[in-house]
C-alpha atoms as a PDB file:
ATOM      1  CA  MET A   1       0.004  -0.003  -0.013  1.00  0.00           C
ATOM      2  CA  SER A   2       1.136   3.485  -0.819  1.00  0.00           C
ATOM      3  CA  SER A   3       2.687   5.468   2.283  1.00  0.00           C
ATOM      4  CA  PHE A   4       0.493   8.291   1.256  1.00  0.00           C
ATOM      5  CA  THR A   5      -2.800   7.683   2.959  1.00  0.00           C
ATOM      6  CA  THR A   6      -4.805  10.917   2.324  1.00  0.00           C
ATOM      7  CA  LEU A   7      -8.584  10.391   1.845  1.00  0.00           C
ATOM      8  CA  HIS A   8      -8.756  13.342  -0.486  1.00  0.00           C
ATOM      9  CA  PHE A   9      -8.842  11.097  -3.508  1.00  0.00           C
ATOM     10  CA  SER A  10     -12.005   9.268  -2.529  1.00  0.00           C
ATOM     11  CA  ASP A  11     -14.361   9.047  -5.428  1.00  0.00           C
ATOM     12  CA  ARG A  12     -12.149  11.173  -7.653  1.00  0.00           C
ATOM     13  CA  VAL A  13     -11.216  10.146 -11.109  1.00  0.00           C
ATOM     14  CA  ALA A  14      -7.708  10.003 -12.659  1.00  0.00           C
ATOM     15  CA  VAL A  15      -6.235   9.288 -16.006  1.00  0.00           C
ATOM     16  CA  VAL A  16      -2.676   7.793 -15.926  1.00  0.00           C
ATOM     17  CA  THR A  17      -0.794   7.272 -19.090  1.00  0.00           C
ATOM     18  CA  GLY A  18       2.135   4.866 -19.446  1.00  0.00           C
ATOM     19  CA  ALA A  19       0.369   2.702 -16.852  1.00  0.00           C
ATOM     20  CA  GLY A  20       1.562  -0.747 -17.919  1.00  0.00           C
ATOM     21  CA  SER A  21       4.776  -0.560 -15.892  1.00  0.00           C
ATOM     22  CA  GLY A  22       7.211   1.325 -13.680  1.00  0.00           C
ATOM     23  CA  ILE A  23       6.084   4.872 -12.489  1.00  0.00           C
ATOM     24  CA  GLY A  24       2.746   4.769 -14.276  1.00  0.00           C
ATOM     25  CA  ARG A  25       1.837   1.470 -12.735  1.00  0.00           C
ATOM     26  CA  ALA A  26       2.777   2.527  -9.251  1.00  0.00           C
ATOM     27  CA  THR A  27       0.922   5.772  -9.664  1.00  0.00           C
ATOM     28  CA  ALA A  28      -2.342   4.034 -10.755  1.00  0.00           C
ATOM     29  CA  ILE A  29      -2.017   1.593  -7.808  1.00  0.00           C
ATOM     30  CA  ALA A  30      -1.337   4.423  -5.321  1.00  0.00           C
ATOM     31  CA  LEU A  31      -4.184   6.548  -6.521  1.00  0.00           C
ATOM     32  CA  ALA A  32      -6.661   3.481  -6.367  1.00  0.00           C
ATOM     33  CA  GLU A  33      -5.415   2.694  -2.753  1.00  0.00           C
ATOM     34  CA  SER A  34      -6.064   6.220  -1.880  1.00  0.00           C
ATOM     35  CA  GLY A  35      -9.723   5.995  -3.075  1.00  0.00           C
ATOM     36  CA  ALA A  36      -9.552   7.268  -6.666  1.00  0.00           C
ATOM     37  CA  TYR A  37     -10.945   5.543  -9.685  1.00  0.00           C
ATOM     38  CA  VAL A  38      -8.120   5.232 -12.264  1.00  0.00           C
ATOM     39  CA  LEU A  39      -8.157   4.777 -16.018  1.00  0.00           C
ATOM     40  CA  GLY A  40      -4.617   3.329 -16.780  1.00  0.00           C
ATOM     41  CA  VAL A  41      -3.556   3.993 -20.438  1.00  0.00           C
ATOM     42  CA  GLY A  42      -0.756   2.137 -22.282  1.00  0.00           C
ATOM     43  CA  ARG A  43       0.038   0.372 -25.503  1.00  0.00           C
ATOM     44  CA  ARG A  44       0.691  -3.259 -24.069  1.00  0.00           C
ATOM     45  CA  GLN A  45      -2.525  -4.968 -23.216  1.00  0.00           C
ATOM     46  CA  GLY A  46      -0.847  -7.813 -21.121  1.00  0.00           C
ATOM     47  CA  ALA A  47       1.001  -5.390 -18.958  1.00  0.00           C
ATOM     48  CA  LEU A  48      -2.183  -3.111 -18.441  1.00  0.00           C
ATOM     49  CA  LYS A  49      -4.007  -6.241 -17.264  1.00  0.00           C
ATOM     50  CA  GLU A  50      -1.384  -6.711 -14.597  1.00  0.00           C
ATOM     51  CA  THR A  51      -1.771  -3.142 -13.550  1.00  0.00           C
ATOM     52  CA  ALA A  52      -5.594  -3.557 -13.437  1.00  0.00           C
ATOM     53  CA  GLY A  53      -5.295  -6.731 -11.387  1.00  0.00           C
ATOM     54  CA  ALA A  54      -3.618  -4.855  -8.600  1.00  0.00           C
ATOM     55  CA  HIS A  55      -6.842  -3.062  -7.497  1.00  0.00           C
ATOM     56  CA  PRO A  56     -10.531  -3.100  -8.437  1.00  0.00           C
ATOM     57  CA  ASN A  57     -10.662   0.669  -8.747  1.00  0.00           C
ATOM     58  CA  ILE A  58      -8.265   0.500 -11.930  1.00  0.00           C
ATOM     59  CA  ALA A  59      -9.673   0.078 -15.277  1.00  0.00           C
ATOM     60  CA  VAL A  60      -7.477   0.091 -18.396  1.00  0.00           C
ATOM     61  CA  LEU A  61      -7.467   1.243 -21.996  1.00  0.00           C
ATOM     62  CA  SER A  62      -5.023   0.072 -24.628  1.00  0.00           C
ATOM     63  CA  ALA A  63      -4.060   3.143 -26.644  1.00  0.00           C
ATOM     64  CA  ASP A  64      -1.025   4.904 -28.132  1.00  0.00           C
ATOM     65  CA  VAL A  65      -1.195   8.389 -26.923  1.00  0.00           C
ATOM     66  CA  CYS A  66       0.395   9.646 -30.209  1.00  0.00           C
ATOM     67  CA  GLU A  67      -2.305   8.368 -32.429  1.00  0.00           C
ATOM     68  CA  GLU A  68      -4.821  10.681 -34.088  1.00  0.00           C
ATOM     69  CA  GLY A  69      -7.931  10.956 -31.853  1.00  0.00           C
ATOM     70  CA  ALA A  70      -6.292   9.125 -28.957  1.00  0.00           C
ATOM     71  CA  ALA A  71      -6.592  12.037 -26.484  1.00  0.00           C
ATOM     72  CA  GLN A  72     -10.319  12.484 -26.921  1.00  0.00           C
ATOM     73  CA  ARG A  73     -10.899   8.695 -26.751  1.00  0.00           C
ATOM     74  CA  ILE A  74      -8.959   8.437 -23.512  1.00  0.00           C
ATOM     75  CA  VAL A  75     -10.655  11.304 -21.734  1.00  0.00           C
ATOM     76  CA  SER A  76     -14.212  10.259 -22.940  1.00  0.00           C
ATOM     77  CA  THR A  77     -13.611   6.755 -21.792  1.00  0.00           C
ATOM     78  CA  ALA A  78     -12.908   7.838 -18.262  1.00  0.00           C
ATOM     79  CA  VAL A  79     -15.791  10.488 -18.237  1.00  0.00           C
ATOM     80  CA  GLU A  80     -18.291   7.957 -19.620  1.00  0.00           C
ATOM     81  CA  ARG A  81     -17.289   5.390 -17.092  1.00  0.00           C
ATOM     82  CA  TRP A  82     -17.184   7.505 -13.938  1.00  0.00           C
ATOM     83  CA  GLY A  83     -18.935  10.766 -14.829  1.00  0.00           C
ATOM     84  CA  ARG A  84     -16.022  13.192 -14.158  1.00  0.00           C
ATOM     85  CA  LEU A  85     -12.345  13.823 -14.316  1.00  0.00           C
ATOM     86  CA  ASP A  86     -10.179  15.221 -11.518  1.00  0.00           C
ATOM     87  CA  LEU A  87      -6.716  14.415 -12.427  1.00  0.00           C
ATOM     88  CA  LEU A  88      -4.573  13.798 -15.638  1.00  0.00           C
ATOM     89  CA  VAL A  89      -1.090  12.360 -15.132  1.00  0.00           C
ATOM     90  CA  ASN A  90       0.977  12.639 -18.378  1.00  0.00           C
ATOM     91  CA  ASN A  91       3.452   9.880 -17.689  1.00  0.00           C
ATOM     92  CA  ALA A  92       3.933   8.088 -21.018  1.00  0.00           C
ATOM     93  CA  GLY A  93       7.385   8.550 -22.240  1.00  0.00           C
ATOM     94  CA  VAL A  94      10.446   6.903 -23.682  1.00  0.00           C
ATOM     95  CA  ALA A  95      14.145   7.505 -23.244  1.00  0.00           C
ATOM     96  CA  ALA A  96      16.495   7.978 -26.257  1.00  0.00           C
ATOM     97  CA  LEU A  97      20.131   8.336 -26.456  1.00  0.00           C
ATOM     98  CA  MET A  98      21.098   9.921 -29.626  1.00  0.00           C
ATOM     99  CA  PRO A  99      24.486  11.694 -29.958  1.00  0.00           C
ATOM    100  CA  LEU A 100      24.538  14.766 -32.273  1.00  0.00           C
ATOM    101  CA  ALA A 101      26.617  12.725 -34.777  1.00  0.00           C
ATOM    102  CA  GLU A 102      23.759  10.107 -35.094  1.00  0.00           C
ATOM    103  CA  THR A 103      20.858  12.388 -35.086  1.00  0.00           C
ATOM    104  CA  ASP A 104      17.833  11.687 -37.331  1.00  0.00           C
ATOM    105  CA  ARG A 105      14.594  13.287 -38.063  1.00  0.00           C
ATOM    106  CA  THR A 106      12.371  10.396 -37.066  1.00  0.00           C
ATOM    107  CA  THR A 107      13.749  10.132 -33.507  1.00  0.00           C
ATOM    108  CA  ILE A 108      13.562  13.881 -32.970  1.00  0.00           C
ATOM    109  CA  THR A 109       9.836  13.855 -34.237  1.00  0.00           C
ATOM    110  CA  ASN A 110       8.884  10.840 -32.141  1.00  0.00           C
ATOM    111  CA  LEU A 111      10.368  12.243 -29.032  1.00  0.00           C
ATOM    112  CA  LEU A 112       8.454  15.640 -29.470  1.00  0.00           C
ATOM    113  CA  GLU A 113       5.228  13.731 -30.299  1.00  0.00           C
ATOM    114  CA  LEU A 114       5.351  11.696 -27.182  1.00  0.00           C
ATOM    115  CA  HIS A 115       6.738  14.197 -24.700  1.00  0.00           C
ATOM    116  CA  VAL A 116       5.191  17.487 -25.948  1.00  0.00           C
ATOM    117  CA  THR A 117       2.345  16.948 -28.448  1.00  0.00           C
ATOM    118  CA  ALA A 118       0.579  14.071 -26.834  1.00  0.00           C
ATOM    119  CA  PRO A 119       0.503  15.607 -23.331  1.00  0.00           C
ATOM    120  CA  SER A 120      -0.817  18.868 -24.834  1.00  0.00           C
ATOM    121  CA  LEU A 121      -3.643  17.188 -26.692  1.00  0.00           C
ATOM    122  CA  LEU A 122      -4.532  15.213 -23.505  1.00  0.00           C
ATOM    123  CA  ALA A 123      -4.597  18.319 -21.426  1.00  0.00           C
ATOM    124  CA  HIS A 124      -6.620  19.998 -24.160  1.00  0.00           C
ATOM    125  CA  ALA A 125      -9.194  17.157 -24.148  1.00  0.00           C
ATOM    126  CA  ALA A 126      -9.300  16.949 -20.326  1.00  0.00           C
ATOM    127  CA  LEU A 127      -9.650  20.749 -19.747  1.00  0.00           C
ATOM    128  CA  PRO A 128     -13.468  21.158 -19.922  1.00  0.00           C
ATOM    129  CA  HIS A 129     -13.813  18.355 -17.300  1.00  0.00           C
ATOM    130  CA  LEU A 130     -10.969  19.719 -15.139  1.00  0.00           C
ATOM    131  CA  ARG A 131     -12.797  23.053 -15.057  1.00  0.00           C
ATOM    132  CA  ASP A 132     -15.812  21.424 -13.654  1.00  0.00           C
ATOM    133  CA  THR A 133     -13.818  19.672 -10.847  1.00  0.00           C
ATOM    134  CA  ALA A 134     -11.127  22.289 -10.167  1.00  0.00           C
ATOM    135  CA  GLY A 135      -8.848  19.475 -11.115  1.00  0.00           C
ATOM    136  CA  SER A 136      -5.127  19.050 -11.599  1.00  0.00           C
ATOM    137  CA  ILE A 137      -2.524  18.044 -14.231  1.00  0.00           C
ATOM    138  CA  VAL A 138       0.864  16.371 -13.263  1.00  0.00           C
ATOM    139  CA  ASN A 139       3.388  16.104 -16.068  1.00  0.00           C
ATOM    140  CA  ILE A 140       6.358  13.616 -15.662  1.00  0.00           C
ATOM    141  CA  SER A 141       9.578  15.159 -16.628  1.00  0.00           C
ATOM    142  CA  SER A 142      13.048  14.083 -15.701  1.00  0.00           C
ATOM    143  CA  THR A 143      16.141  15.338 -13.897  1.00  0.00           C
ATOM    144  CA  TYR A 144      17.464  15.758 -17.466  1.00  0.00           C
ATOM    145  CA  GLY A 145      14.540  18.433 -18.232  1.00  0.00           C
ATOM    146  CA  HIS A 146      16.772  20.928 -16.556  1.00  0.00           C
ATOM    147  CA  ARG A 147      20.176  19.159 -16.397  1.00  0.00           C
ATOM    148  CA  PRO A 148      22.321  18.621 -19.502  1.00  0.00           C
ATOM    149  CA  LEU A 149      22.546  14.972 -20.927  1.00  0.00           C
ATOM    150  CA  ALA A 150      25.424  14.352 -23.092  1.00  0.00           C
ATOM    151  CA  GLY A 151      24.376  12.082 -25.876  1.00  0.00           C
ATOM    152  CA  GLY A 152      20.683  12.475 -25.215  1.00  0.00           C
ATOM    153  CA  ALA A 153      20.197  16.189 -25.896  1.00  0.00           C
ATOM    154  CA  HIS A 154      16.818  15.739 -27.753  1.00  0.00           C
ATOM    155  CA  TYR A 155      15.307  13.603 -24.965  1.00  0.00           C
ATOM    156  CA  ALA A 156      16.531  16.367 -22.511  1.00  0.00           C
ATOM    157  CA  ALA A 157      15.129  19.155 -24.730  1.00  0.00           C
ATOM    158  CA  ALA A 158      11.653  17.403 -24.964  1.00  0.00           C
ATOM    159  CA  LYS A 159      11.546  17.049 -21.230  1.00  0.00           C
ATOM    160  CA  SER A 160      12.532  20.740 -20.845  1.00  0.00           C
ATOM    161  CA  ALA A 161       9.749  21.684 -23.102  1.00  0.00           C
ATOM    162  CA  LEU A 162       7.295  19.761 -21.030  1.00  0.00           C
ATOM    163  CA  GLU A 163       8.492  21.632 -17.842  1.00  0.00           C
ATOM    164  CA  GLN A 164       7.909  24.974 -19.737  1.00  0.00           C
ATOM    165  CA  LEU A 165       4.415  23.828 -20.666  1.00  0.00           C
ATOM    166  CA  THR A 166       3.791  22.988 -17.017  1.00  0.00           C
ATOM    167  CA  ARG A 167       4.703  26.540 -15.885  1.00  0.00           C
ATOM    168  CA  SER A 168       2.750  28.235 -18.614  1.00  0.00           C
ATOM    169  CA  TRP A 169      -0.393  26.174 -18.140  1.00  0.00           C
ATOM    170  CA  ALA A 170      -0.195  26.750 -14.442  1.00  0.00           C
ATOM    171  CA  LEU A 171      -0.196  30.500 -15.075  1.00  0.00           C
ATOM    172  CA  GLU A 172      -2.799  30.309 -17.599  1.00  0.00           C
ATOM    173  CA  LEU A 173      -5.263  28.010 -15.742  1.00  0.00           C
ATOM    174  CA  ALA A 174      -4.791  29.292 -12.135  1.00  0.00           C
ATOM    175  CA  PRO A 175      -7.724  31.726 -12.483  1.00  0.00           C
ATOM    176  CA  GLU A 176     -10.033  28.690 -13.340  1.00  0.00           C
ATOM    177  CA  GLY A 177      -8.902  26.782 -10.261  1.00  0.00           C
ATOM    178  CA  ILE A 178      -6.900  24.185 -12.176  1.00  0.00           C
ATOM    179  CA  ARG A 179      -3.271  23.348 -10.876  1.00  0.00           C
ATOM    180  CA  VAL A 180      -0.407  22.068 -13.090  1.00  0.00           C
ATOM    181  CA  ASN A 181       2.681  20.744 -11.598  1.00  0.00           C
ATOM    182  CA  ALA A 182       5.492  18.324 -12.773  1.00  0.00           C
ATOM    183  CA  ILE A 183       7.580  15.652 -11.146  1.00  0.00           C
ATOM    184  CA  ALA A 184      11.107  15.264 -12.427  1.00  0.00           C
ATOM    185  CA  PRO A 185      12.389  11.841 -11.466  1.00  0.00           C
ATOM    186  CA  GLY A 186      15.998  10.936 -11.551  1.00  0.00           C
ATOM    187  CA  PRO A 187      17.218   7.429 -12.613  1.00  0.00           C
ATOM    188  CA  THR A 188      14.572   4.923 -11.438  1.00  0.00           C
ATOM    189  CA  GLU A 189      14.295   1.236 -11.383  1.00  0.00           C
ATOM    190  CA  THR A 190      12.032   0.842 -14.466  1.00  0.00           C
ATOM    191  CA  ASP A 191      12.413  -0.815 -17.925  1.00  0.00           C
ATOM    192  CA  VAL A 192      12.725   2.426 -19.802  1.00  0.00           C
ATOM    193  CA  LEU A 193      16.295   1.797 -20.981  1.00  0.00           C
ATOM    194  CA  SER A 194      15.508  -1.586 -22.107  1.00  0.00           C
ATOM    195  CA  ALA A 195      12.426  -0.223 -23.774  1.00  0.00           C
ATOM    196  CA  ALA A 196      14.631   2.199 -25.641  1.00  0.00           C
ATOM    197  CA  GLY A 197      16.392  -0.781 -27.289  1.00  0.00           C
ATOM    198  CA  LEU A 198      19.558  -0.698 -25.404  1.00  0.00           C
ATOM    199  CA  PRO A 199      21.290  -4.101 -24.839  1.00  0.00           C
ATOM    200  CA  ALA A 200      21.267  -5.576 -21.381  1.00  0.00           C
ATOM    201  CA  ASP A 201      25.054  -5.051 -20.718  1.00  0.00           C
ATOM    202  CA  THR A 202      24.643  -1.320 -21.850  1.00  0.00           C
ATOM    203  CA  VAL A 203      21.733  -0.951 -19.410  1.00  0.00           C
ATOM    204  CA  THR A 204      23.810  -2.430 -16.610  1.00  0.00           C
ATOM    205  CA  GLU A 205      26.694  -0.145 -17.356  1.00  0.00           C
ATOM    206  CA  ILE A 206      24.510   2.981 -17.319  1.00  0.00           C
ATOM    207  CA  ARG A 207      22.765   1.921 -14.117  1.00  0.00           C
ATOM    208  CA  THR A 208      26.076   1.267 -12.345  1.00  0.00           C
ATOM    209  CA  GLY A 209      27.290   4.719 -13.432  1.00  0.00           C
ATOM    210  CA  GLU A 210      24.004   6.356 -12.174  1.00  0.00           C
ATOM    211  CA  ARG A 211      24.266   4.799  -8.820  1.00  0.00           C
ATOM    212  CA  GLU A 212      27.785   6.003  -8.309  1.00  0.00           C
ATOM    213  CA  ARG A 213      26.710   9.583  -9.069  1.00  0.00           C
ATOM    214  CA  ILE A 214      23.566   9.604  -6.951  1.00  0.00           C
ATOM    215  CA  PRO A 215      24.375  11.107  -3.582  1.00  0.00           C
ATOM    216  CA  THR A 216      21.870   8.704  -1.763  1.00  0.00           C
ATOM    217  CA  GLY A 217      23.606   5.739  -3.438  1.00  0.00           C
ATOM    218  CA  ARG A 218      20.537   4.033  -4.990  1.00  0.00           C
ATOM    219  CA  LEU A 219      18.225   4.377  -7.878  1.00  0.00           C
ATOM    220  CA  GLY A 220      14.692   5.458  -7.325  1.00  0.00           C
ATOM    221  CA  ASP A 221      11.891   3.097  -6.867  1.00  0.00           C
ATOM    222  CA  PRO A 222       8.630   3.808  -8.819  1.00  0.00           C
ATOM    223  CA  LYS A 223       6.773   4.046  -5.503  1.00  0.00           C
ATOM    224  CA  ASP A 224       9.065   6.988  -4.438  1.00  0.00           C
ATOM    225  CA  ILE A 225       7.878   8.844  -7.493  1.00  0.00           C
ATOM    226  CA  ALA A 226       4.295   7.860  -7.213  1.00  0.00           C
ATOM    227  CA  ASP A 227       3.999   9.056  -3.611  1.00  0.00           C
ATOM    228  CA  TRP A 228       5.162  12.592  -4.821  1.00  0.00           C
ATOM    229  CA  ILE A 229       2.752  12.549  -7.686  1.00  0.00           C
ATOM    230  CA  LEU A 230      -0.118  12.097  -5.225  1.00  0.00           C
ATOM    231  CA  ARG A 231       1.337  14.759  -2.983  1.00  0.00           C
ATOM    232  CA  VAL A 232       1.309  17.511  -5.593  1.00  0.00           C
ATOM    233  CA  SER A 233      -2.146  16.499  -7.036  1.00  0.00           C
ATOM    234  CA  ASP A 234      -3.808  16.144  -3.694  1.00  0.00           C
ATOM    235  CA  PRO A 235      -6.721  18.513  -3.626  1.00  0.00           C
ATOM    236  CA  GLY A 236      -5.588  19.663  -0.265  1.00  0.00           C
ATOM    237  CA  GLY A 237      -2.663  21.209  -1.734  1.00  0.00           C
ATOM    238  CA  ALA A 238      -4.610  23.921  -3.583  1.00  0.00           C
ATOM    239  CA  TYR A 239      -1.849  26.583  -3.166  1.00  0.00           C
ATOM    240  CA  VAL A 240       0.828  24.527  -5.119  1.00  0.00           C
ATOM    241  CA  THR A 241       0.957  25.173  -8.863  1.00  0.00           C
ATOM    242  CA  GLY A 242       3.612  25.686 -11.611  1.00  0.00           C
ATOM    243  CA  GLN A 243       6.165  23.746  -9.700  1.00  0.00           C
ATOM    244  CA  ILE A 244       8.824  21.275 -10.978  1.00  0.00           C
ATOM    245  CA  LEU A 245       9.757  18.814  -8.053  1.00  0.00           C
ATOM    246  CA  THR A 246      12.803  16.849  -8.636  1.00  0.00           C
ATOM    247  CA  ILE A 247      12.983  13.450  -7.010  1.00  0.00           C
ATOM    248  CA  ASP A 248      16.356  12.032  -7.910  1.00  0.00           C
ATOM    249  CA  GLY A 249      18.340  11.288  -4.654  1.00  0.00           C
ATOM    250  CA  GLY A 250      20.278  14.556  -5.004  1.00  0.00           C
ATOM    251  CA  LEU A 251      21.674  13.755  -8.510  1.00  0.00           C
ATOM    252  CA  GLU A 252      21.076  17.292  -9.727  1.00  0.00           C
ATOM    253  CA  LEU A 253      23.333  18.546  -7.001  1.00  0.00           C
ATOM    254  CA  SER A 254      26.308  16.545  -8.093  1.00  0.00           C
END
């Protein structure tokens, strides 16, 4: 069970993208355990079923957030099922290591589609419903949204863009009672590097190097991140908006 036991999520409705594993799955479960009804969205039906099996308050929808019309379908599915929408967690993402010498248009386009365009369209589709509930948006960035990443500049740039969207939406939507914040995880125990197509020995090498640089001496756990997603989206925190909260064991200080 999540260590975050607020009752403020009781009967509220959340959409969590990238819910098939890692941070997305941990967030869906933490929200459900805190009383929310959750629509977990992802591309892998088998992984989504595992997420749904963790709590009866979780329903799932297999969808690629980058596909035409996906944003409206996702939001409509949640609203038609539960009658409202209180929280959008834009978590779906992918890492991409691409040195400048190997840069290609497709990879750049895909990174921007997933980390900038898709969250924007989801937020747009959710907006009328969030107005009704004085709801919240939480975007999932990265330490590298505000810290250089040699060999991964376009991933870092996409996350940086997401952070600026967060600040700008927060300013724009505050008069309507909608809060927008971002969580920026550091290296976390997820399959994101493997999903990026990196071989196992490369993943091991990267993870070892990350542990050595993190002051607390360990990678993050998805539950570490999920707890803070709940904290910034908790309706009781109505005075917090436009913030980028880095959860990285002190990596950005090193």
